[in-house]
Every structure is written in structure tokens, then in C-alpha cells.
Amino acid sequence: MSLLTVTGVNKAFGGLKALSDVSLSVNAGEIYGLIGPNGAGKTTLFNALTGLYSIDSGEVMLAGARLTGQPPHAILKRGLARTFQNIRLFAEMTALENVLVGRHARTKSGVIGAIFQPPHTRREEADSLMRARALLARVGLAPHAGRVAKHLSYGDQRRLEIARALATEPKILALDEPAAGMNPGERAALAALLRSLRDDDGLTLLLIEHDVKLVMGLCDRLAVLDYGVKIFEGTPEVALKDAKVIAAYLGDEAA
């Protein structure tokens, strides 16, 4: 069952066509990869899906709701959360506080509630605190809840970004190069976490990743972009044998 549907998306920056008639479909409960050489348009597509870029034409639908033209905060509330290629944590805040920021997408108390603290606001804050601690435990960061984000290791900061995104209760989690800069041990732990989020939590994942072995071992299906054009969509096993994919991206690694 398709959860995220992208149809005929086009995006140009001046005379540069970054995305050309890109269509893809992400099914509920799968890990879907988006790969391609540098400059292929992968992050541009992520930015278009999450409202950071407006698209020139095309349609983006999530669980039957139209995301096209919606601002990032509205898309987040619809259920599409993301992490970034360059870590964007609140560096001076603790790990717990960073995750609590993510919870604000699902809380209802406004300024009046924050000032006067009626019972429903206090209950909501207690629930958010409980959920934030549970999410830190989920990604293996419970012992670091009180540590300032900038003092965490690089791998822990990556996991903290995932926990903050999970705090928004997404239908689909989009990860932009989550393994970038990680050592082999950290990459293996990340792969185990992502599989667990799919298998145990039923979460749908969409990820950009340059680590071919990680993508091929983790993703149920993937799409390959080259110069803003989708040249392949299917299983990793078929991608490894596709002549266009090998020529554009995999090269000797496929062999």
C-alpha cells in the first residue's frame, strides 16, 4: 500500500533543471532508498518533499493528503519528518531538551497554557517528558539525557536527531545520509536501529545514503537519480544488475 506518492515533480534553479519529471512510490512499512551520484538531485527532492523548496510542477501525496505547496511545519504535522545531512541539533541544549522540541509538533497547549499551567497543560508536559525519555532509550541514549548536545559523540548526535524526529510521531521518516561520518561499528548499530524501527515499530523510512553496502543490505526498494532524472526504481538485487545504474553510480562496486 503506497504511503508516499510523488508524481511528475519538476524543480529548476534558473536554467539548471534539478529534478525532471520524478515519480516514485513509497509503501507503508518499508525502507526505501534514494541513491545516485553527487548532484543527482537527491537532497533537492528531500527538500521539495518536506516543503523547504517549492516545486515547479508535480504532486506529492502522503496517506491521501496533498503536501504540495504546504509549509514545512504543516508537512511535519501531516506526518513527514526528516533529519539533515549536516547535523542540526540545538547544540547548547541537552539531549532530552532536543527531543522535547520535537514533541511540540504534537502538543496543543499554547502561550496561555504555558503561563498559567492548567491541569491539562501539566498532564501534556508530563506525557511529553515521558515520551522523550522513552525515545532516548529507544535510540540508546538514555544515559546521556542530561548531556549538552554538542558534547555528545558524532554518532550519538546522529541518533539524537533521529530521536527528535521520532518525537513528532511521523508516518514516514526521511533520513538524509544518516551514516555520514560514522565508523563501521556506528554504521552497523545504525542499520540495526533502522531495521528495528521498521520491524518492531512499523515505521516507514526513506533515506538518502552513499554507503552502497548499507543501502543494499537495508533497503526493501530504492530509486536511483542521475542528473535529476529517475533512472531506476526496484529492489536492490535488480539495481545491482541494471546497466544504467552501474554506469551512473555503482561502477566497479557493483562488479
Protein backbone atom coordinates (compact mmCIF):
# COMPACT_ATOMS: atom_id res chain seq x y z
CA MET A 1 0.00 0.00 0.00
CA SER A 2 1.52 3.31 -1.10
CA LEU A 3 2.04 5.76 1.76
CA LEU A 4 4.03 8.47 -0.06
CA THR A 5 3.40 9.14 -3.73
CA VAL A 6 5.49 11.54 -5.80
CA THR A 7 4.17 12.26 -9.29
CA GLY A 8 5.91 14.19 -12.06
CA VAL A 9 7.91 16.52 -9.81
CA ASN A 10 9.97 19.19 -11.58
CA LYS A 11 12.30 21.73 -10.00
CA ALA A 12 14.67 24.18 -11.67
CA PHE A 13 17.06 26.76 -10.28
CA GLY A 14 17.35 29.35 -13.03
CA GLY A 15 18.49 27.43 -16.08
CA LEU A 16 19.51 24.35 -14.10
CA LYS A 17 16.94 21.54 -14.09
CA ALA A 18 17.47 19.87 -10.72
CA LEU A 19 14.52 17.46 -10.95
CA SER A 20 12.91 16.29 -14.17
CA ASP A 21 9.53 14.54 -14.02
CA VAL A 22 10.45 12.49 -10.94
CA SER A 23 7.84 9.97 -9.81
CA LEU A 24 8.14 7.34 -7.10
CA SER A 25 6.03 5.49 -4.59
CA VAL A 26 6.99 4.51 -1.03
CA ASN A 27 4.95 1.71 0.51
CA ALA A 28 3.89 1.63 4.13
CA GLY A 29 6.26 -0.31 6.36
CA GLU A 30 9.26 -0.41 4.04
CA ILE A 31 12.74 1.07 3.97
CA TYR A 32 13.08 2.92 0.68
CA GLY A 33 16.45 4.18 -0.51
CA LEU A 34 17.23 7.15 -2.72
CA ILE A 35 20.68 6.95 -4.26
CA GLY A 36 22.70 8.47 -7.06
CA PRO A 37 25.94 10.33 -7.73
CA ASN A 38 26.70 13.75 -6.21
CA GLY A 39 24.49 16.39 -7.80
CA ALA A 40 21.85 13.88 -8.85
CA GLY A 41 19.06 15.79 -7.07
CA LYS A 42 18.54 13.61 -4.02
CA THR A 43 18.63 16.33 -1.37
CA THR A 44 16.71 18.66 -3.69
CA LEU A 45 13.95 16.04 -3.77
CA PHE A 46 14.04 15.72 0.03
CA ASN A 47 13.76 19.49 0.34
CA ALA A 48 10.84 19.51 -2.09
CA LEU A 49 9.04 16.75 -0.20
CA THR A 50 9.45 18.50 3.16
CA GLY A 51 8.47 21.98 1.99
CA LEU A 52 11.89 23.65 2.11
CA TYR A 53 11.70 24.06 -1.68
CA SER A 54 8.61 24.81 -3.70
CA ILE A 55 8.25 22.64 -6.79
CA ASP A 56 7.60 23.97 -10.27
CA SER A 57 5.10 21.24 -11.11
CA GLY A 58 4.02 17.83 -9.92
CA GLU A 59 2.24 16.36 -6.92
CA VAL A 60 3.25 14.96 -3.53
CA MET A 61 0.73 12.95 -1.52
CA LEU A 62 1.11 11.41 1.94
CA ALA A 63 -1.55 8.98 3.15
CA GLY A 64 -4.06 10.61 0.82
CA ALA A 65 -3.26 14.17 1.92
CA ARG A 66 -1.77 16.68 -0.51
CA LEU A 67 1.59 18.03 0.62
CA THR A 68 2.31 20.11 -2.48
CA GLY A 69 2.60 23.79 -1.60
CA GLN A 70 2.38 23.22 2.16
CA PRO A 71 4.92 24.87 4.51
CA PRO A 72 7.39 22.66 6.42
CA HIS A 73 5.53 22.81 9.75
CA ALA A 74 2.27 21.70 8.09
CA ILE A 75 4.03 18.83 6.32
CA LEU A 76 5.58 17.78 9.62
CA LYS A 77 2.16 17.67 11.25
CA ARG A 78 0.87 15.59 8.34
CA GLY A 79 3.46 13.00 9.30
CA LEU A 80 6.62 13.54 7.25
CA ALA A 81 9.65 14.20 9.47
CA ARG A 82 13.29 14.40 8.41
CA THR A 83 16.89 14.63 9.52
CA PHE A 84 19.58 16.60 7.70
CA GLN A 85 22.86 15.79 6.01
CA ASN A 86 24.55 18.34 8.27
CA ILE A 87 23.55 17.80 11.89
CA ARG A 88 21.10 20.48 13.05
CA LEU A 89 20.69 20.00 16.76
CA PHE A 90 20.27 22.71 19.37
CA ALA A 91 23.90 22.48 20.43
CA GLU A 92 23.57 24.21 23.81
CA MET A 93 20.50 22.23 24.88
CA THR A 94 20.55 18.79 26.49
CA ALA A 95 19.67 15.64 24.61
CA LEU A 96 16.36 15.48 26.48
CA GLU A 97 15.53 19.08 25.65
CA ASN A 98 16.26 18.47 21.96
CA VAL A 99 13.76 15.61 21.89
CA LEU A 100 11.20 17.70 23.76
CA VAL A 101 11.44 20.27 20.96
CA GLY A 102 10.23 17.56 18.60
CA ARG A 103 7.27 16.85 20.87
CA HIS A 104 5.96 20.39 20.35
CA ALA A 105 4.64 19.31 16.95
CA ARG A 106 2.10 17.13 18.79
CA THR A 107 1.24 19.29 21.79
CA LYS A 108 -1.78 21.58 21.98
CA SER A 109 -1.07 23.94 24.86
CA GLY A 110 -0.32 27.49 23.75
CA VAL A 111 1.11 30.57 25.39
CA ILE A 112 -1.75 30.88 27.87
CA GLY A 113 -1.28 27.29 28.98
CA ALA A 114 2.46 27.79 29.37
CA ILE A 115 1.89 30.84 31.59
CA PHE A 116 -0.95 29.62 33.82
CA GLN A 117 -0.17 25.87 33.77
CA PRO A 118 -3.72 24.47 33.98
CA PRO A 119 -4.07 20.72 34.70
CA HIS A 120 -4.31 19.67 31.03
CA THR A 121 -1.06 21.54 30.25
CA ARG A 122 0.74 19.88 33.16
CA ARG A 123 -0.52 16.46 32.01
CA GLU A 124 0.64 17.18 28.47
CA GLU A 125 4.08 18.27 29.66
CA ALA A 126 4.44 15.16 31.83
CA ASP A 127 3.43 12.95 28.89
CA SER A 128 5.94 14.70 26.61
CA LEU A 129 8.70 14.21 29.17
CA MET A 130 7.87 10.53 29.50
CA ARG A 131 7.80 10.04 25.72
CA ALA A 132 11.05 11.95 25.24
CA ARG A 133 12.85 9.76 27.77
CA ALA A 134 11.43 6.65 26.12
CA LEU A 135 12.69 7.79 22.71
CA LEU A 136 16.17 8.46 24.08
CA ALA A 137 16.15 4.91 25.42
CA ARG A 138 14.88 3.66 22.06
CA VAL A 139 17.94 5.02 20.25
CA GLY A 140 20.38 4.06 23.02
CA LEU A 141 20.88 7.50 24.54
CA ALA A 142 19.09 7.17 27.89
CA PRO A 143 22.33 7.58 29.90
CA HIS A 144 23.03 10.84 28.06
CA ALA A 145 19.66 12.56 28.60
CA GLY A 146 21.21 15.38 30.63
CA ARG A 147 24.28 15.92 28.44
CA VAL A 148 24.54 19.02 26.29
CA ALA A 149 24.14 18.01 22.63
CA LYS A 150 27.43 19.47 21.45
CA HIS A 151 29.31 17.27 23.93
CA LEU A 152 27.88 14.03 22.52
CA SER A 153 29.93 11.93 20.11
CA TYR A 154 29.22 12.31 16.41
CA GLY A 155 27.36 9.02 16.22
CA ASP A 156 25.29 9.89 19.28
CA GLN A 157 24.37 13.25 17.74
CA ARG A 158 23.11 11.42 14.66
CA ARG A 159 20.95 9.17 16.83
CA LEU A 160 19.70 12.17 18.78
CA GLU A 161 18.49 13.74 15.53
CA ILE A 162 16.57 10.55 14.83
CA ALA A 163 15.03 10.59 18.31
CA ARG A 164 13.95 14.22 17.87
CA ALA A 165 12.33 13.38 14.53
CA LEU A 166 10.59 10.36 16.06
CA ALA A 167 9.17 12.64 18.76
CA THR A 168 6.94 14.22 16.11
CA GLU A 169 5.20 10.84 15.64
CA PRO A 170 5.86 10.62 11.90
CA LYS A 171 4.13 8.34 9.41
CA ILE A 172 7.34 8.39 7.40
CA LEU A 173 10.85 9.33 8.50
CA ALA A 174 13.18 10.80 5.85
CA LEU A 175 16.88 10.47 6.66
CA ASP A 176 19.46 12.45 4.68
CA GLU A 177 22.75 10.50 4.83
CA PRO A 178 22.28 9.22 8.40
CA ALA A 179 25.52 7.19 8.27
CA ALA A 180 27.72 10.04 7.01
CA GLY A 181 30.92 10.28 9.06
CA MET A 182 30.24 7.14 11.07
CA ASN A 183 32.79 4.41 11.64
CA PRO A 184 31.92 0.78 10.73
CA GLY A 185 30.68 -0.03 14.22
CA GLU A 186 28.42 3.01 14.33
CA ARG A 187 27.07 2.20 10.86
CA ALA A 188 26.22 -1.36 11.94
CA ALA A 189 24.42 -0.04 15.03
CA LEU A 190 22.52 2.47 12.89
CA ALA A 191 21.43 -0.24 10.45
CA ALA A 192 20.16 -2.35 13.37
CA LEU A 193 18.22 0.62 14.74
CA LEU A 194 16.60 1.41 11.39
CA ARG A 195 15.59 -2.21 10.84
CA SER A 196 14.10 -2.26 14.34
CA LEU A 197 12.10 0.91 13.66
CA ARG A 198 10.61 -0.80 10.61
CA ASP A 199 10.16 -4.30 12.03
CA ASP A 200 9.17 -3.52 15.62
CA ASP A 201 7.56 -0.09 15.32
CA GLY A 202 6.09 -0.40 11.82
CA LEU A 203 7.70 2.85 10.73
CA THR A 204 8.24 3.71 7.07
CA LEU A 205 11.71 5.03 6.24
CA LEU A 206 13.02 6.98 3.26
CA LEU A 207 16.76 7.51 3.17
CA ILE A 208 19.50 9.07 1.11
CA GLU A 209 22.76 7.26 1.67
CA HIS A 210 26.10 6.98 -0.15
CA ASP A 211 27.19 3.80 1.62
CA VAL A 212 26.29 1.26 -1.08
CA LYS A 213 26.68 -1.77 1.18
CA LEU A 214 24.42 -0.21 3.81
CA VAL A 215 21.75 0.66 1.25
CA MET A 216 21.83 -2.70 -0.48
CA GLY A 217 21.64 -4.57 2.82
CA LEU A 218 18.99 -2.40 4.41
CA CYS A 219 16.50 -1.19 1.80
CA ASP A 220 13.48 -3.12 0.57
CA ARG A 221 13.34 -0.98 -2.58
CA LEU A 222 15.20 2.00 -3.94
CA ALA A 223 15.19 4.65 -6.64
CA VAL A 224 18.26 5.92 -8.47
CA LEU A 225 18.56 9.53 -9.65
CA ASP A 226 21.03 10.79 -12.22
CA TYR A 227 21.12 14.48 -13.21
CA GLY A 228 17.65 14.92 -11.71
CA VAL A 229 16.11 12.03 -13.65
CA LYS A 230 14.92 8.79 -12.09
CA ILE A 231 16.68 6.01 -13.99
CA PHE A 232 15.63 3.08 -11.81
CA GLU A 233 13.10 2.00 -9.20
CA GLY A 234 13.00 -1.51 -7.76
CA THR A 235 14.76 -3.92 -5.44
CA PRO A 236 18.48 -3.66 -4.56
CA GLU A 237 19.12 -7.04 -6.16
CA VAL A 238 17.82 -5.85 -9.53
CA ALA A 239 19.60 -2.50 -9.18
CA LEU A 240 22.94 -4.26 -8.88
CA LYS A 241 22.41 -5.77 -12.34
CA ASP A 242 20.91 -2.73 -14.08
CA ALA A 243 23.23 -1.33 -16.76
CA LYS A 244 22.08 2.28 -16.29
CA VAL A 245 22.57 2.14 -12.52
CA ILE A 246 26.02 0.61 -12.86
CA ALA A 247 27.09 3.20 -15.43
CA ALA A 248 25.73 6.17 -13.48
CA TYR A 249 26.53 5.27 -9.90
CA LEU A 250 27.67 1.82 -8.84
CA GLY A 251 30.53 1.27 -11.28
CA ASP A 252 33.19 -1.13 -10.03
CA GLU A 253 31.43 -1.56 -6.67
CA ALA A 254 28.62 -3.49 -8.38
CA ALA A 255 31.10 -5.80 -10.01
